[in-house]
Amino acid sequence: MRVQYKPFVRWLWLGGLLMAFGGILAAVDKRYSRQAKRELARRQAA
């Protein structure tokens, strides 16, 4: 069995983790949920 070391694979994993963290951060950010609630209320009132 051969073991191959690919140095740039670490950067691919790091980029994926960074994007996942950003998505989670955006999902739990209260500023976006407040804005979405305002837009929903505005649409229902119209």
N, C-alpha and C. Protein backbone atom coordinates (compact mmCIF):
# COMPACT_ATOMS: atom_id res chain seq x y z
N MET A 1 0.83 -1.17 0.00
CA MET A 1 0.00 0.00 0.00
C MET A 1 0.88 1.25 0.00
N ARG A 2 0.56 2.17 -0.90
CA ARG A 2 1.33 3.42 -0.98
C ARG A 2 0.57 4.54 -0.31
N VAL A 3 1.28 5.36 0.39
CA VAL A 3 0.69 6.53 1.03
C VAL A 3 1.15 7.75 0.25
N GLN A 4 0.19 8.53 -0.21
CA GLN A 4 0.53 9.74 -0.95
C GLN A 4 0.16 10.96 -0.11
N TYR A 5 1.05 11.90 -0.08
CA TYR A 5 0.82 13.13 0.66
C TYR A 5 0.49 14.23 -0.34
N LYS A 6 -0.68 14.79 -0.22
CA LYS A 6 -1.11 15.87 -1.11
C LYS A 6 -1.26 17.14 -0.26
N PRO A 7 -0.33 18.07 -0.36
CA PRO A 7 -0.33 19.23 0.54
C PRO A 7 -1.52 20.17 0.36
N PHE A 8 -2.10 20.24 -0.84
CA PHE A 8 -3.18 21.20 -1.05
C PHE A 8 -4.55 20.67 -0.64
N VAL A 9 -4.64 19.41 -0.30
CA VAL A 9 -5.92 18.86 0.16
C VAL A 9 -6.31 19.52 1.47
N ARG A 10 -5.34 19.86 2.28
CA ARG A 10 -5.62 20.55 3.54
C ARG A 10 -6.33 21.88 3.28
N TRP A 11 -5.93 22.59 2.23
CA TRP A 11 -6.57 23.87 1.90
C TRP A 11 -8.01 23.66 1.42
N LEU A 12 -8.26 22.57 0.71
CA LEU A 12 -9.63 22.27 0.28
C LEU A 12 -10.53 22.02 1.49
N TRP A 13 -10.05 21.24 2.44
CA TRP A 13 -10.85 20.99 3.65
C TRP A 13 -11.05 22.27 4.45
N LEU A 14 -10.02 23.07 4.56
CA LEU A 14 -10.12 24.33 5.30
C LEU A 14 -11.13 25.27 4.64
N GLY A 15 -11.12 25.32 3.32
CA GLY A 15 -12.09 26.16 2.61
C GLY A 15 -13.51 25.67 2.82
N GLY A 16 -13.71 24.36 2.79
CA GLY A 16 -15.05 23.81 3.04
C GLY A 16 -15.53 24.10 4.45
N LEU A 17 -14.66 23.96 5.41
CA LEU A 17 -15.02 24.25 6.80
C LEU A 17 -15.32 25.73 6.99
N LEU A 18 -14.55 26.58 6.32
CA LEU A 18 -14.78 28.01 6.43
C LEU A 18 -16.14 28.39 5.83
N MET A 19 -16.50 27.79 4.70
CA MET A 19 -17.80 28.07 4.09
C MET A 19 -18.94 27.56 4.97
N ALA A 20 -18.76 26.38 5.57
CA ALA A 20 -19.79 25.84 6.46
C ALA A 20 -19.96 26.75 7.68
N PHE A 21 -18.86 27.22 8.23
CA PHE A 21 -18.93 28.13 9.38
C PHE A 21 -19.65 29.42 9.01
N GLY A 22 -19.36 29.94 7.83
CA GLY A 22 -20.02 31.16 7.37
C GLY A 22 -21.52 30.95 7.18
N GLY A 23 -21.90 29.79 6.66
CA GLY A 23 -23.32 29.49 6.49
C GLY A 23 -24.04 29.37 7.81
N ILE A 24 -23.42 28.73 8.76
CA ILE A 24 -24.03 28.60 10.10
C ILE A 24 -24.13 29.97 10.76
N LEU A 25 -23.09 30.76 10.62
CA LEU A 25 -23.11 32.11 11.19
C LEU A 25 -24.22 32.95 10.58
N ALA A 26 -24.42 32.85 9.28
CA ALA A 26 -25.49 33.61 8.63
C ALA A 26 -26.86 33.10 9.05
N ALA A 27 -26.98 31.81 9.29
CA ALA A 27 -28.28 31.23 9.66
C ALA A 27 -28.70 31.65 11.07
N VAL A 28 -27.75 31.86 11.95
CA VAL A 28 -28.11 32.21 13.33
C VAL A 28 -28.02 33.71 13.61
N ASP A 29 -27.66 34.49 12.60
CA ASP A 29 -27.54 35.94 12.80
C ASP A 29 -28.93 36.55 12.92
N LYS A 30 -29.15 37.26 13.99
CA LYS A 30 -30.48 37.82 14.28
C LYS A 30 -30.84 38.96 13.35
N ARG A 31 -29.86 39.63 12.79
CA ARG A 31 -30.17 40.75 11.88
C ARG A 31 -30.94 40.25 10.67
N TYR A 32 -30.56 39.09 10.14
CA TYR A 32 -31.24 38.57 8.95
C TYR A 32 -32.63 38.08 9.29
N SER A 33 -32.81 37.47 10.44
CA SER A 33 -34.14 36.97 10.79
C SER A 33 -35.10 38.12 11.06
N ARG A 34 -34.63 39.21 11.65
CA ARG A 34 -35.48 40.38 11.87
C ARG A 34 -35.90 41.00 10.54
N GLN A 35 -34.96 41.09 9.62
CA GLN A 35 -35.26 41.67 8.32
C GLN A 35 -36.26 40.79 7.57
N ALA A 36 -36.12 39.50 7.64
CA ALA A 36 -37.05 38.60 6.97
C ALA A 36 -38.45 38.71 7.57
N LYS A 37 -38.53 38.86 8.88
CA LYS A 37 -39.84 39.01 9.53
C LYS A 37 -40.51 40.30 9.09
N ARG A 38 -39.71 41.39 8.98
CA ARG A 38 -40.27 42.67 8.53
C ARG A 38 -40.80 42.57 7.10
N GLU A 39 -40.04 41.92 6.24
CA GLU A 39 -40.48 41.79 4.85
C GLU A 39 -41.73 40.93 4.76
N LEU A 40 -41.81 39.88 5.56
CA LEU A 40 -42.99 39.02 5.56
C LEU A 40 -44.21 39.80 6.05
N ALA A 41 -44.05 40.58 7.09
CA ALA A 41 -45.16 41.38 7.61
C ALA A 41 -45.58 42.43 6.58
N ARG A 42 -44.61 43.01 5.90
CA ARG A 42 -44.92 44.03 4.89
C ARG A 42 -45.70 43.41 3.72
N ARG A 43 -45.33 42.20 3.33
CA ARG A 43 -46.04 41.54 2.24
C ARG A 43 -47.46 41.14 2.64
N GLN A 44 -47.64 40.72 3.86
CA GLN A 44 -48.97 40.32 4.32
C GLN A 44 -49.88 41.53 4.46
N ALA A 45 -49.32 42.68 4.81
CA ALA A 45 -50.12 43.90 5.00
C ALA A 45 -50.56 44.47 3.64
N ALA A 46 -49.80 44.22 2.62
CA ALA A 46 -50.09 44.79 1.29
C ALA A 46 -51.20 44.05 0.58
